[in-house]
Protein backbone atom coordinates (compact mmCIF):
# COMPACT_ATOMS: atom_id res chain seq x y z
CA ILE A 1 -81.01 25.64 -41.13
CA ASN A 2 -81.11 25.33 -45.49
CA ASP A 3 -78.79 27.86 -45.09
CA LEU A 4 -75.94 25.91 -43.39
CA GLY A 5 -76.00 23.18 -45.94
CA GLY A 6 -73.04 23.64 -47.19
CA LEU A 7 -71.24 24.09 -44.03
CA SER A 8 -69.01 20.88 -43.66
CA LEU A 9 -68.04 21.74 -47.58
CA VAL A 10 -66.50 25.00 -46.35
CA VAL A 11 -64.75 23.82 -43.36
CA GLY A 12 -63.35 21.04 -45.92
CA ILE A 13 -62.52 23.48 -48.60
CA ALA A 14 -61.08 25.55 -45.18
CA LEU A 15 -58.72 22.52 -43.93
CA ALA A 16 -57.68 21.57 -47.87
CA GLU A 17 -56.30 25.27 -47.72
CA ALA A 18 -54.85 25.00 -44.37
CA LEU A 19 -53.34 21.46 -45.29
CA GLU A 20 -51.68 22.63 -48.63
CA ASN A 21 -49.91 25.90 -47.00
CA LEU A 22 -48.51 23.09 -44.35
CA GLY A 23 -47.01 21.23 -47.27
CA VAL A 24 -49.20 18.83 -48.44
CA GLU A 25 -50.48 18.00 -52.26
CA GLY A 26 -52.45 16.61 -53.54
CA ILE A 27 -55.58 17.31 -51.57
CA ALA A 28 -58.87 16.39 -52.86
CA LEU A 29 -62.63 16.73 -50.79
CA LYS A 30 -65.02 14.13 -50.94
CA TRP A 31 -68.90 15.26 -50.49
CA PRO A 32 -69.81 15.60 -47.74
CA ASN A 33 -67.44 15.54 -45.18
CA ASP A 34 -64.05 13.69 -45.86
CA VAL A 35 -60.18 15.24 -47.04
CA TRP A 36 -58.30 12.99 -49.08
CA VAL A 37 -54.82 12.90 -50.60
CA ASN A 38 -54.50 10.26 -53.67
CA GLU A 39 -57.63 8.39 -52.24
CA HIS A 40 -56.88 8.09 -48.93
CA LYS A 41 -58.57 9.81 -46.16
CA LEU A 42 -56.53 12.55 -44.12
CA ALA A 43 -59.29 14.06 -42.18
CA GLY A 44 -63.08 14.36 -41.68
CA ILE A 45 -65.66 16.96 -40.81
CA LEU A 46 -68.67 17.16 -38.60
CA VAL A 47 -71.05 19.52 -37.90
CA GLU A 48 -73.82 19.12 -35.44
CA LEU A 49 -76.88 21.07 -34.95
CA MET A 50 -77.86 21.30 -30.94
CA SER A 51 -80.89 22.70 -28.78
CA SER A 52 -80.24 24.76 -26.36
CA PRO A 53 -81.92 26.52 -23.88
CA ASN A 54 -80.78 29.66 -25.29
CA GLY A 55 -82.05 28.38 -28.77
CA SER A 56 -79.95 25.78 -31.45
CA ARG A 57 -76.40 26.30 -31.51
CA ILE A 58 -74.20 24.35 -34.58
CA VAL A 59 -71.22 22.29 -33.40
CA VAL A 60 -68.07 22.15 -35.99
CA GLY A 61 -65.47 19.15 -35.65
CA PHE A 62 -62.58 18.16 -37.42
CA GLY A 63 -59.96 15.39 -37.08
CA VAL A 64 -56.84 15.24 -38.71
CA ASN A 65 -54.54 12.36 -39.20
CA VAL A 66 -51.24 13.42 -37.80
CA SER A 67 -49.32 10.26 -37.25
CA LEU A 68 -51.14 6.82 -37.99
CA ASN A 69 -48.54 3.56 -37.45
CA LYS A 70 -49.28 0.74 -39.82
CA GLN A 71 -51.26 -1.06 -37.57
CA GLU A 72 -53.84 1.58 -36.52
CA MET A 73 -54.06 2.45 -40.54
CA ASP A 74 -55.17 -1.58 -40.99
CA ALA A 75 -57.67 -1.07 -38.44
CA ILE A 76 -59.38 1.53 -40.04
CA ASP A 77 -62.11 0.05 -42.70
CA GLN A 78 -60.97 2.61 -45.59
CA PRO A 79 -57.99 3.79 -47.00
CA VAL A 80 -56.32 6.40 -44.54
CA THR A 81 -53.11 8.58 -45.03
CA ASP A 82 -51.52 10.69 -42.23
CA LEU A 83 -49.61 14.19 -42.00
CA ARG A 84 -46.08 12.44 -41.48
CA HIS A 85 -46.45 10.19 -44.59
CA ASN A 86 -47.56 13.44 -46.59
CA GLY A 87 -43.94 15.35 -45.51
CA VAL A 88 -45.97 17.52 -42.23
CA VAL A 89 -42.92 17.89 -39.39
CA GLU A 90 -45.07 20.95 -37.70
CA THR A 91 -45.95 20.34 -34.16
CA ARG A 92 -49.66 19.48 -33.47
CA SER A 93 -50.30 22.62 -32.11
CA ILE A 94 -48.86 24.46 -35.67
CA ILE A 95 -51.27 21.97 -37.05
CA ALA A 96 -53.94 22.80 -35.16
CA SER A 97 -53.27 27.02 -35.27
CA SER A 98 -53.27 26.83 -38.90
CA CYS A 99 -56.63 24.52 -39.80
CA ILE A 100 -58.24 26.57 -36.85
CA ASN A 101 -57.30 30.12 -38.15
CA SER A 102 -58.23 28.64 -41.93
CA VAL A 103 -61.63 27.46 -40.48
CA SER A 104 -62.19 30.50 -39.03
CA LYS A 105 -61.74 32.74 -41.69
CA PHE A 106 -63.78 30.99 -43.65
CA LEU A 107 -66.41 30.65 -41.14
CA ASP A 108 -66.93 34.58 -41.21
CA TYR A 109 -66.91 34.55 -44.73
CA PHE A 110 -69.57 31.60 -45.16
CA GLU A 111 -71.55 33.53 -42.62
CA THR A 112 -71.79 36.87 -44.48
CA ASN A 113 -71.91 35.15 -48.22
CA GLY A 114 -73.85 31.75 -47.74
CA PHE A 115 -72.00 28.64 -49.97
CA GLN A 116 -73.12 29.80 -53.26
CA SER A 117 -69.89 31.69 -53.49
CA PHE A 118 -67.99 28.37 -52.57
CA VAL A 119 -69.38 25.97 -55.26
CA PRO A 120 -66.56 26.81 -57.88
CA ALA A 121 -64.44 25.99 -55.45
CA PHE A 122 -65.60 23.04 -53.95
CA ASN A 123 -66.08 21.65 -57.44
CA LYS A 124 -62.84 22.15 -58.19
CA LEU A 125 -61.44 20.56 -55.26
CA HIS A 126 -64.16 17.73 -55.13
CA ALA A 127 -62.68 14.22 -55.70
CA LEU A 128 -65.63 12.56 -57.46
CA HIS A 129 -66.15 15.76 -59.51
CA GLU A 130 -68.19 14.60 -63.34
CA LYS A 131 -66.72 10.90 -62.00
CA GLU A 132 -69.41 7.79 -62.28
CA CYS A 133 -69.92 6.67 -58.56
CA VAL A 134 -72.07 4.25 -56.57
CA LEU A 135 -74.62 6.23 -54.63
CA VAL A 136 -75.53 4.19 -51.17
CA ASN A 137 -78.54 5.62 -49.84
CA GLY A 138 -79.17 3.48 -46.63
CA ALA A 139 -79.93 -0.13 -45.60
CA ASN A 140 -82.96 -1.21 -47.22
CA VAL A 141 -82.14 0.70 -50.10
CA PRO A 142 -80.51 -0.74 -53.26
CA ASN A 143 -76.82 0.57 -54.56
CA LYS A 144 -77.10 2.89 -58.02
CA ALA A 145 -74.87 4.13 -60.65
CA VAL A 146 -74.51 7.79 -60.57
CA LYS A 147 -72.23 10.35 -62.33
CA VAL A 148 -71.50 13.48 -60.32
CA ILE A 149 -72.50 16.29 -61.74
CA GLY A 150 -71.02 18.63 -58.52
CA VAL A 151 -72.99 20.57 -55.91
CA GLY A 152 -75.00 23.29 -55.75
CA PRO A 153 -75.93 26.34 -54.23
CA ILE A 154 -76.41 25.08 -50.27
CA GLY A 155 -74.61 21.65 -50.56
CA GLN A 156 -76.35 19.54 -52.09
CA LEU A 157 -74.96 16.38 -54.21
CA ILE A 158 -76.33 16.59 -57.94
CA VAL A 159 -76.11 13.51 -59.35
CA GLU A 160 -77.56 11.68 -62.96
CA SER A 161 -78.77 8.11 -63.00
CA LYS A 162 -80.75 6.35 -65.68
CA GLU A 163 -83.92 8.00 -63.40
CA GLY A 164 -82.45 11.90 -64.09
CA VAL A 165 -80.72 14.20 -62.30
CA GLU A 166 -81.18 14.23 -58.60
CA GLN A 167 -80.26 16.53 -55.97
CA LEU A 168 -78.92 14.70 -52.55
CA HIS A 169 -78.60 16.04 -49.15
CA GLY A 170 -76.55 14.68 -46.10
CA GLY A 171 -78.22 12.09 -43.97
CA GLU A 172 -77.60 8.43 -44.65
CA ILE A 173 -76.56 8.83 -48.39
CA SER A 174 -72.76 8.00 -48.99
CA ILE A 175 -71.02 8.63 -52.80
CA ARG A 176 -68.30 6.24 -53.43
CA PRO A 177 -65.69 6.40 -56.25
CA LYS A 178 -66.88 3.21 -58.79
């Protein structure tokens, strides 16, 4: 399970490559599972570990906003964008094929080599890398000011606060720009 820590980050890097190849400019990633363009969410990633009679299975999913109208955008609780507003005119089939092929290629490499080799690529694309942010850590924990240092070899987010350096893993943690 520890070897899967960076899986959603790898999927983000793969989606960034596919979407750039479709013509989207200014793509950034937000740890652990968002693809942004100009601080607007373009895509999201979900990785789930599921038990089955044959052992554990990993389900990787992603959603890309293709064409949202103003009413749909206004109904979402964060700034969003879509491919059409970023100049992509390809069909949904071509978009899906491009994304799936890229994710498949990156997952093959991840399976053999783990996350460590992806660290520089993620840090380069990370929208919040080396930025002052707010850490939201569950309902009963106060928000905390942190500086994002980067990601570690298993996909953990490394931040620094007045308490020192911390390594954060997914779950109920959210990091937001200040």
